[in-house]
Protein backbone atom coordinates (compact mmCIF):
# COMPACT_ATOMS: atom_id res chain seq x y z
CA MET A 1 91.88 120.86 155.81
CA ARG A 2 91.32 118.31 158.18
CA ASN A 3 90.64 114.88 156.34
CA VAL A 4 90.21 113.71 152.61
CA VAL A 5 91.91 110.52 154.33
CA ALA A 6 94.52 113.04 155.05
CA ILE A 7 95.32 112.31 151.52
CA ILE A 8 96.01 116.03 150.58
CA VAL A 9 97.26 116.94 154.07
CA PHE A 10 99.60 113.74 153.96
CA PHE A 11 101.48 114.98 151.04
CA LEU A 12 101.41 118.75 151.95
CA LEU A 13 102.98 118.23 155.47
CA GLN A 14 105.45 115.73 154.20
CA ASN A 15 106.92 116.70 151.02
CA LEU A 16 106.41 120.45 150.12
CA GLY A 17 104.41 123.70 150.76
CA ALA A 18 102.20 123.60 147.40
CA PHE A 19 100.90 127.26 148.51
CA ALA A 20 101.89 129.94 150.62
CA ALA A 21 99.62 130.95 153.18
CA LYS A 22 98.73 134.50 153.53
CA GLY A 23 96.54 135.18 156.56
CA ARG A 24 92.79 134.81 156.90
CA ILE A 25 89.90 136.15 155.30
CA ALA A 26 85.99 136.19 155.43
CA TYR A 27 84.75 133.00 153.59
CA PRO A 28 83.59 134.23 150.17
CA GLY A 29 79.71 134.57 150.17
CA GLY A 30 79.28 135.27 154.02
CA LYS A 31 77.51 132.77 156.12
CA PHE A 32 75.05 130.69 154.41
CA TYR A 33 73.94 126.56 154.13
CA ILE A 34 73.77 123.98 151.62
CA TYR A 35 71.13 121.47 152.22
CA ARG A 36 70.72 117.90 150.21
CA LEU A 37 67.37 117.05 149.35
CA SER A 38 66.33 113.97 148.26
CA LEU A 39 63.39 113.95 145.57
CA THR A 40 60.98 111.31 144.96
CA ASP A 41 60.85 110.82 141.70
CA LYS A 42 61.89 112.53 138.28
CA LYS A 43 58.55 113.65 136.84
CA GLY A 44 58.88 116.47 134.87
CA SER A 45 62.39 115.49 133.66
CA PRO A 46 63.40 117.51 130.28
CA GLY A 47 65.11 114.33 129.09
CA THR A 48 63.42 111.16 127.78
CA LEU A 49 64.87 107.52 127.37
CA ASP A 50 64.16 107.82 123.44
CA HIS A 51 66.64 110.48 123.26
CA PRO A 52 69.88 109.93 125.31
CA GLU A 53 71.84 111.91 122.95
CA LYS A 54 70.26 115.22 124.56
CA TYR A 55 71.98 114.57 128.10
CA LEU A 56 74.95 112.04 127.18
CA SER A 57 77.63 112.54 124.56
CA GLN A 58 77.95 110.34 121.74
CA LYS A 59 81.14 109.28 123.10
CA ALA A 60 79.24 108.09 126.29
CA LEU A 61 76.75 106.17 124.15
CA LEU A 62 79.22 104.54 122.13
CA ARG A 63 81.08 103.31 125.42
CA ARG A 64 77.84 102.21 126.63
CA GLU A 65 76.93 100.22 123.31
CA ARG A 66 80.12 98.50 123.15
CA GLN A 67 79.51 96.92 126.74
CA HIS A 68 75.94 96.59 126.15
CA ILE A 69 74.50 98.69 128.56
CA SER A 70 71.17 100.62 128.14
CA VAL A 71 70.26 103.99 129.11
CA ASP A 72 67.88 103.98 131.75
CA SER A 73 66.19 106.10 134.42
CA LEU A 74 69.39 106.68 136.42
CA ASP A 75 70.49 108.75 133.58
CA LEU A 76 67.61 111.21 133.23
CA PRO A 77 68.21 114.48 133.96
CA LEU A 78 66.46 115.61 137.59
CA SER A 79 62.81 117.17 137.31
CA ALA A 80 62.78 120.35 135.59
CA VAL A 81 59.36 121.07 137.50
CA TYR A 82 60.77 120.20 140.86
CA LEU A 83 63.83 122.48 140.47
CA ASN A 84 61.53 125.41 139.45
CA GLY A 85 59.38 124.70 142.69
CA LEU A 86 62.38 124.85 144.78
CA ARG A 87 63.31 128.18 143.30
CA ASN A 88 59.68 129.45 143.80
CA GLU A 89 60.12 128.70 147.50
CA GLY A 90 62.99 130.93 147.75
CA ALA A 91 66.03 128.34 147.09
CA GLN A 92 69.00 128.50 145.34
CA VAL A 93 69.64 125.39 143.12
CA ILE A 94 73.36 125.26 143.22
CA GLY A 95 73.71 121.37 141.90
CA GLY A 96 72.42 117.91 141.78
CA SER A 97 73.10 114.26 141.22
CA LYS A 98 71.00 112.56 138.68
CA TRP A 99 71.98 108.98 139.72
CA ASN A 100 71.07 109.64 143.43
CA ASN A 101 67.90 112.01 142.35
CA THR A 102 69.46 114.48 144.94
CA VAL A 103 69.42 118.35 144.53
CA LEU A 104 71.75 120.87 146.48
CA VAL A 105 70.26 124.15 147.66
CA ARG A 106 71.95 127.14 149.18
CA THR A 107 70.29 129.58 151.43
CA LYS A 108 71.32 132.11 154.18
CA ASP A 109 67.81 131.66 155.44
CA THR A 110 67.19 128.40 157.23
CA THR A 111 63.66 129.02 158.08
CA ILE A 112 62.78 128.08 154.50
CA MET A 113 63.69 124.59 154.89
CA ALA A 114 60.38 124.00 156.56
CA ARG A 115 58.78 125.10 153.43
CA LEU A 116 60.72 122.92 151.29
CA ARG A 117 60.67 119.89 153.43
CA ALA A 118 56.88 120.11 153.10
CA LEU A 119 56.90 120.10 149.36
CA PRO A 120 55.07 116.66 148.17
CA TYR A 121 58.26 115.83 146.00
CA VAL A 122 61.23 116.46 148.89
CA LYS A 123 61.53 113.05 150.32
CA SER A 124 64.17 114.12 152.72
CA SER A 125 66.75 116.69 153.53
CA ILE A 126 70.41 116.84 155.13
CA ARG A 127 72.48 120.04 155.96
CA VAL A 128 75.61 119.13 154.28
CA PHE A 129 77.83 122.66 154.37
CA LYS A 130 77.70 125.56 156.92
CA ALA A 131 80.19 128.45 156.06
CA PRO A 132 82.88 128.70 158.34
CA ASP A 133 83.65 132.29 159.62
CA SER A 134 86.59 132.76 158.05
CA THR A 135 89.21 130.71 155.53
CA THR A 136 93.01 130.96 155.17
CA VAL A 137 94.11 132.77 152.00
CA MET A 138 96.55 130.40 149.97
CA LEU A 139 98.43 131.48 146.82
CA PRO A 140 100.09 128.83 144.47
CA ASP A 141 103.94 128.71 143.82
CA ASP A 142 105.25 130.13 140.80
CA ILE A 143 106.69 127.38 138.43
CA ASP A 144 110.39 127.12 139.17
CA LYS A 145 111.99 127.40 135.64
CA ASP A 146 115.41 126.13 136.81
CA ALA A 147 113.40 122.72 137.67
CA LEU A 148 112.17 122.07 134.27
CA GLY A 149 115.74 121.57 132.86
CA LYS A 150 116.11 118.18 131.48
CA LYS A 151 118.08 115.57 133.38
CA PRO A 152 118.18 112.42 131.29
CA SER A 153 118.75 109.31 132.64
CA GLY A 154 120.06 105.95 131.07
CA ASP A 155 116.47 104.47 131.50
CA PHE A 156 113.88 105.37 128.49
CA TYR A 157 111.41 105.73 131.39
CA GLY A 158 113.88 107.98 133.45
CA ARG A 159 112.55 108.56 136.98
CA GLY A 160 108.79 106.72 136.30
CA ALA A 161 110.44 103.36 135.82
CA ILE A 162 110.67 101.77 139.16
CA GLN A 163 106.52 102.25 139.49
CA LEU A 164 106.10 101.27 136.07
CA ASP A 165 108.19 98.06 136.18
CA MET A 166 106.51 96.87 139.90
CA LEU A 167 103.29 96.48 137.75
CA ASN A 168 105.41 95.01 134.95
CA GLY A 169 104.00 97.53 132.67
CA ARG A 170 106.83 98.13 130.43
CA LYS A 171 106.15 95.17 128.21
CA ILE A 172 102.28 96.51 127.69
CA HIS A 173 104.16 99.71 126.46
CA GLN A 174 106.57 98.01 124.31
CA ALA A 175 103.77 96.12 122.62
CA GLY A 176 102.33 99.65 121.46
CA PHE A 177 99.62 99.98 124.28
CA ARG A 178 100.37 103.18 126.25
CA GLY A 179 96.83 104.74 126.50
CA LYS A 180 96.21 106.17 123.31
CA GLY A 181 92.21 106.72 122.95
CA MET A 182 91.54 106.16 126.06
CA LEU A 183 90.14 109.15 128.37
CA ILE A 184 90.69 109.38 132.01
CA ALA A 185 89.09 111.83 134.17
CA VAL A 186 90.79 112.57 137.26
CA ILE A 187 88.67 113.61 140.09
CA ASP A 188 90.53 115.77 142.55
CA GLY A 189 90.89 118.94 144.43
CA GLY A 190 92.88 121.53 141.87
CA TYR A 191 95.40 121.15 139.30
CA MET A 192 98.24 124.11 140.12
CA ASN A 193 100.01 125.12 136.79
CA ALA A 194 98.92 121.77 134.99
CA ASP A 195 98.12 123.87 131.96
CA LYS A 196 101.51 125.63 131.92
CA LEU A 197 103.37 122.13 132.49
CA ALA A 198 101.66 120.62 130.02
CA ARG A 199 103.86 121.70 127.41
CA HIS A 200 106.86 120.75 129.52
CA TYR A 201 105.75 117.23 130.54
CA HIS A 202 103.54 116.63 127.56
CA PHE A 203 100.46 116.40 129.39
CA ASN A 204 97.38 115.65 127.18
CA ILE A 205 94.67 117.56 128.83
CA VAL A 206 91.75 117.75 126.95
CA GLY A 207 89.35 119.47 129.08
CA GLN A 208 88.43 120.64 133.02
CA HIS A 209 85.72 121.40 134.91
CA ASP A 210 84.79 122.51 138.32
CA CYS A 211 82.31 120.62 140.48
CA VAL A 212 82.76 122.82 143.73
CA TRP A 213 80.29 125.77 144.56
CA PRO A 214 81.01 128.68 143.47
CA TYR A 215 82.18 127.02 140.40
CA ASP A 216 85.42 128.30 139.17
CA ASP A 217 86.63 128.39 135.71
CA ASN A 218 89.92 127.82 136.17
CA VAL A 219 91.04 124.60 138.34
CA TYR A 220 94.90 125.52 137.23
CA HIS A 221 95.34 128.12 140.23
CA LEU A 222 93.94 125.88 142.70
CA LEU A 223 95.94 122.80 144.89
CA SER A 224 98.79 121.03 143.21
CA HIS A 225 97.93 117.52 144.13
CA GLY A 226 95.76 116.92 141.14
CA THR A 227 99.06 118.16 139.03
CA MET A 228 101.00 115.58 140.88
CA VAL A 229 98.32 112.81 140.67
CA LEU A 230 98.15 113.64 136.83
CA SER A 231 102.05 113.59 136.47
CA THR A 232 102.27 110.05 137.43
CA MET A 233 100.15 108.94 134.33
CA ALA A 234 100.42 111.62 131.77
CA SER A 235 104.42 112.73 131.92
CA ASN A 236 105.81 111.85 128.54
CA VAL A 237 109.58 113.05 128.48
CA ASP A 238 111.75 110.28 127.11
CA SER A 239 114.67 109.58 129.52
CA VAL A 240 113.29 111.87 132.25
CA PHE A 241 109.86 110.58 133.18
CA ILE A 242 107.42 108.76 131.43
CA GLY A 243 104.41 108.11 133.44
CA THR A 244 101.95 104.69 133.16
CA ALA A 245 99.85 106.09 130.41
CA PRO A 246 101.48 108.63 128.55
CA ASP A 247 99.40 108.50 125.21
CA ALA A 248 95.90 108.57 127.19
CA SER A 249 93.81 111.85 127.20
CA TYR A 250 92.78 113.58 130.44
CA LEU A 251 90.04 115.45 131.69
CA LEU A 252 90.67 117.26 134.95
CA LEU A 253 87.84 117.72 137.49
CA ARG A 254 87.73 119.48 140.86
CA SER A 255 85.31 117.84 143.50
CA GLU A 256 87.59 118.69 146.54
CA ASP A 257 87.07 122.02 148.56
CA GLY A 258 90.47 122.84 149.95
CA ARG A 259 88.87 125.49 152.38
CA SER A 260 87.00 123.24 154.76
CA GLU A 261 85.95 119.31 155.10
CA GLN A 262 82.22 118.86 154.79
CA LEU A 263 79.80 116.49 153.40
CA VAL A 264 78.89 118.36 150.54
CA GLU A 265 82.12 117.31 148.97
CA GLU A 266 80.46 113.82 148.47
CA ASP A 267 77.75 115.65 146.14
CA TYR A 268 80.56 117.55 144.38
CA TRP A 269 82.23 114.01 144.02
CA ALA A 270 78.99 112.48 142.68
CA GLN A 271 78.54 115.73 140.13
CA ALA A 272 82.21 115.13 139.02
CA ALA A 273 81.70 111.31 138.34
CA GLU A 274 78.18 112.01 136.42
CA TYR A 275 80.10 114.76 134.43
CA ALA A 276 82.76 112.28 133.56
CA ASP A 277 80.17 109.86 132.43
CA SER A 278 78.43 112.37 130.17
CA VAL A 279 81.37 113.13 128.01
CA GLY A 280 82.43 109.71 127.50
CA ALA A 281 85.22 109.01 130.02
CA ASP A 282 86.53 105.60 130.17
CA ILE A 283 88.62 105.55 133.36
CA ILE A 284 88.28 107.60 136.61
CA ASN A 285 91.20 108.26 139.07
CA SER A 286 90.04 109.51 142.32
CA SER A 287 92.98 110.39 145.12
CA LEU A 288 90.09 111.42 147.31
CA GLY A 289 88.47 109.85 150.38
CA TYR A 290 86.31 110.76 153.42
CA THR A 291 85.77 109.57 157.04
CA ILE A 292 85.72 112.86 159.45
CA PHE A 293 84.14 115.93 158.62
CA ASP A 294 84.27 119.44 160.19
CA ASP A 295 80.65 118.70 161.72
CA GLU A 296 81.34 115.62 163.44
CA ASN A 297 77.60 114.59 163.61
CA THR A 298 78.34 114.10 159.27
CA SER A 299 81.38 112.27 159.96
CA ILE A 300 81.45 108.42 158.34
CA ARG A 301 81.11 105.54 160.68
CA TYR A 302 82.63 102.11 160.32
CA ARG A 303 79.36 100.92 160.05
CA ASP A 304 78.30 103.08 156.98
CA GLN A 305 81.37 101.35 154.82
CA ASP A 306 79.16 98.92 153.17
CA GLY A 307 79.61 100.39 149.50
CA LYS A 308 75.73 101.80 149.56
CA THR A 309 75.37 103.92 152.60
CA GLN A 310 77.33 107.18 152.11
CA LEU A 311 76.57 108.85 148.70
CA ILE A 312 79.81 108.85 147.46
CA SER A 313 80.32 105.09 147.63
CA ARG A 314 76.74 104.81 146.29
CA THR A 315 77.89 106.70 143.23
CA ALA A 316 81.12 104.90 143.12
CA SER A 317 79.30 101.67 143.02
CA THR A 318 77.30 102.81 139.91
CA LEU A 319 80.25 103.70 137.83
CA ALA A 320 80.98 100.00 136.35
CA GLY A 321 77.45 99.56 135.41
CA ARG A 322 77.49 102.87 133.52
CA GLY A 323 80.93 101.21 131.64
CA MET A 324 83.63 102.90 133.61
CA VAL A 325 86.35 101.78 135.94
CA LEU A 326 86.92 103.69 139.01
CA VAL A 327 90.60 103.54 140.53
CA CYS A 328 90.81 105.25 143.63
CA SER A 329 93.23 105.55 146.59
CA ALA A 330 92.65 103.06 149.83
CA GLY A 331 93.69 106.19 152.21
CA ASN A 332 96.69 107.25 154.46
CA GLU A 333 94.93 106.42 157.99
CA GLY A 334 97.16 103.00 158.81
CA MET A 335 99.00 104.96 161.46
CA LYS A 336 96.12 106.77 162.78
CA PHE A 337 93.30 106.09 165.04
CA TRP A 338 90.82 105.28 162.28
CA LYS A 339 93.29 103.02 160.23
CA ARG A 340 90.76 101.99 158.05
CA ILE A 341 90.20 103.00 154.12
CA GLY A 342 87.96 105.94 153.59
CA CYS A 343 84.95 106.26 151.33
CA PRO A 344 84.84 105.69 148.34
CA ALA A 345 87.04 103.05 148.99
CA ASP A 346 84.69 100.86 150.30
CA ALA A 347 82.30 100.97 147.07
CA PHE A 348 81.48 97.69 145.03
CA ASP A 349 83.16 96.92 141.66
CA ILE A 350 86.13 99.18 141.75
CA LEU A 351 90.05 99.11 142.24
CA SER A 352 90.73 100.76 145.44
CA VAL A 353 94.76 101.00 145.78
CA ALA A 354 96.94 100.40 148.86
CA ALA A 355 100.53 101.92 148.96
CA LEU A 356 104.03 99.79 148.91
CA SER A 357 107.42 100.93 149.06
CA ASP A 358 109.63 99.95 146.21
CA ASP A 359 110.78 96.51 147.82
CA SER A 360 106.89 95.73 147.95
CA VAL A 361 106.35 95.82 151.39
CA ASN A 362 103.40 97.62 152.70
CA ALA A 363 103.33 101.14 153.64
CA LEU A 364 102.39 101.68 157.32
CA PHE A 365 100.47 104.57 156.58
CA SER A 366 98.14 102.97 153.96
CA SER A 367 94.65 102.43 154.99
CA LEU A 368 93.12 98.90 156.04
CA GLY A 369 90.17 97.15 155.25
CA PRO A 370 87.88 95.13 155.17
CA SER A 371 84.50 96.92 154.37
CA ILE A 372 82.10 96.30 157.17
CA ASP A 373 80.33 93.76 155.10
CA GLY A 374 83.43 91.71 155.11
CA ARG A 375 84.78 92.20 151.45
CA VAL A 376 88.40 92.32 150.90
CA LYS A 377 89.76 95.86 151.02
CA PRO A 378 91.84 97.43 149.60
CA ASP A 379 91.40 95.77 146.35
CA VAL A 380 95.10 95.62 144.85
CA ALA A 381 98.35 97.51 145.69
CA ALA A 382 101.01 99.71 143.79
CA LEU A 383 104.17 101.98 144.57
CA GLY A 384 103.00 104.80 147.00
CA VAL A 385 106.30 105.41 149.02
CA GLY A 386 108.86 107.56 147.28
CA ALA A 387 106.58 107.65 144.26
CA THR A 388 108.09 110.07 141.28
CA VAL A 389 105.68 113.05 140.66
CA VAL A 390 105.75 116.48 139.11
CA SER A 391 104.67 119.13 141.81
CA GLY A 392 102.91 122.19 141.08
CA ALA A 393 106.11 124.35 140.91
CA GLY A 394 107.34 121.93 138.09
CA LYS A 395 109.70 119.97 140.03
CA ILE A 396 110.21 116.09 139.54
CA ILE A 397 110.26 115.23 143.19
CA HIS A 398 109.30 111.84 145.25
CA ALA A 399 106.27 111.75 147.26
CA ASN A 400 104.31 109.50 149.50
CA GLY A 401 100.52 108.30 149.85
CA THR A 402 98.08 106.40 148.44
CA SER A 403 97.06 109.10 146.16
CA PHE A 404 99.86 108.37 143.97
CA ALA A 405 99.70 104.52 144.04
CA SER A 406 96.31 104.88 142.88
CA PRO A 407 97.04 106.99 139.36
CA ILE A 408 99.74 104.63 138.69
CA LEU A 409 97.97 101.43 138.74
CA CYS A 410 95.18 103.64 136.75
CA GLY A 411 97.23 104.54 133.92
CA MET A 412 98.46 100.55 133.43
CA VAL A 413 94.37 100.02 133.68
CA ALA A 414 94.17 102.46 130.49
CA CYS A 415 96.86 100.73 128.85
CA LEU A 416 95.21 97.54 129.40
CA TRP A 417 91.76 98.44 128.14
CA GLN A 418 93.28 99.92 125.02
CA ALA A 419 94.44 96.51 124.16
CA MET A 420 91.21 94.87 124.97
CA PRO A 421 88.39 97.15 123.94
CA ASP A 422 85.78 94.72 123.82
CA LYS A 423 86.07 93.86 127.62
CA THR A 424 83.66 95.39 130.02
CA ALA A 425 84.31 97.36 132.78
CA TYR A 426 83.63 94.53 135.18
CA GLU A 427 85.68 92.70 133.02
CA ILE A 428 88.68 94.55 133.56
CA ILE A 429 88.32 94.88 137.09
CA ASP A 430 88.04 91.28 137.30
CA MET A 431 91.30 90.62 135.40
CA VAL A 432 93.39 93.25 137.26
CA LYS A 433 92.43 91.48 140.77
CA LYS A 434 93.08 87.86 139.48
CA ALA A 435 96.32 89.18 138.16
CA GLY A 436 97.31 90.48 141.75
CA ASN A 437 100.29 88.41 143.37
CA ARG A 438 97.97 87.27 146.21
CA TYR A 439 94.91 86.62 144.38
CA SER A 440 94.83 83.10 146.13
CA HIS A 441 95.27 84.58 149.80
CA PRO A 442 93.87 87.90 149.65
CA ASP A 443 94.22 90.26 152.99
CA ASN A 444 92.98 93.36 154.05
CA ILE A 445 96.78 95.17 153.85
CA PHE A 446 97.52 94.27 150.15
CA GLY A 447 94.03 93.23 149.05
CA TYR A 448 94.72 90.87 146.21
CA GLY A 449 98.46 92.43 145.91
CA ILE A 450 100.23 93.61 142.90
CA PRO A 451 98.72 92.99 139.45
CA ASP A 452 101.09 91.73 136.94
CA PHE A 453 99.48 93.48 133.78
CA ASN A 454 102.17 91.69 131.13
CA GLN A 455 100.33 88.46 132.60
CA ILE A 456 97.13 89.58 131.71
CA LEU A 457 98.19 90.70 128.28
CA GLU A 458 100.19 87.35 127.61
CA SER A 459 96.85 85.32 128.68
CA GLN A 460 94.83 87.34 126.32
CA ARG A 461 97.53 87.65 123.32
CA THR A 462 95.64 85.60 120.59
CA THR A 463 92.81 87.80 120.73
CA ILE A 464 94.57 91.20 120.78
CA PRO A 465 95.35 93.07 117.99
CA MET A 466 98.19 94.97 117.29
CA PRO A 467 97.68 98.68 117.71
CA ARG A 468 97.90 101.17 114.56
CA GLN A 469 101.17 103.28 114.98
């Protein structure tokens, strides 16, 4: 895998072999292509604005109602009439995005594309995937049962103390706000053994869903990167490892295809974000980002980083307007030729996170801003050097990357929102930025700096009810 802002590769090369390589095999499904078709409208959609309960959960509707957000045409499902028309022309419909009004079609016969493009409801098309000739066989590690032995420290938070304290989160926890009632969707590349490790580290996993074709009903035998990301928030073992939101619920979504690096992963990410919305997630953590693809003709250019050109960034910029907060990694390109943030870190109304060492110095690998239109990027910063994580083998280890700075901060956002449930996604994002220690003098290394979450809590103290125990 060549990119994902080098986040997953960066970790795997520097920290552990999460998988054992077992040679190469033919790519599953043989030679095929996936195209993204942009549709003209949603005439023939099976959904209506009068009955959003048909395609949005009650939890999603309540989240919107709480923030005074109306259901609109973006929420309507794709046109069933158009999808059936594509199938009648020989296309295999494998997914799509209702917010972007795009559909993914798979074909082995590229000659059908001329017919599809000629359809009156197809506005444009682009090839987003070409199956490689072969792929590496990767097998997940077994859980190291010896590593699961508890080694308590003198601090209640165990090895999670430093990353929590950098954000001044301990006092929020002590006030009773540890993420209870908040649903965090994690979008990543796989969650190796997370289901088995949940009983040891008390991860509160409430669901999982694969958004990568061909869809797998088990994300727990794939990449371990998501397991490590999850652990920074969800771990809940006294004096061993307490994460930043140990009482939150977690929905695990897969959008990253570890077998190649192609534009279709932006579409998969959009599908994951829309799924998170539909089931009522409050917050999304995404420790993924994109710049360079296997097909260099589709690679992202700096001039594209305006928060709306790339499909993934355009989707990310939509989330706050649907009532969700996106926290995402800035990227690990700081010491490479590209240097800059990836997508969707360029999006509007999100929290993109830079990585720091425990002395609050910026990590040299942490990606830089600004966005092409001059907005401060990254937005904020958190610990990303020597962060405490649980590996896919069950070991508590230290790892480097903005991949881990992002969820560490994301967990604190969940605790903050639990304390202030009347706030909108926009208000939460704004408060976190304003609590940064560089808010008065932001830059494109630290953004607005390290947020002091207790400062936010104290500033709102008179309006915050104590949680029920």
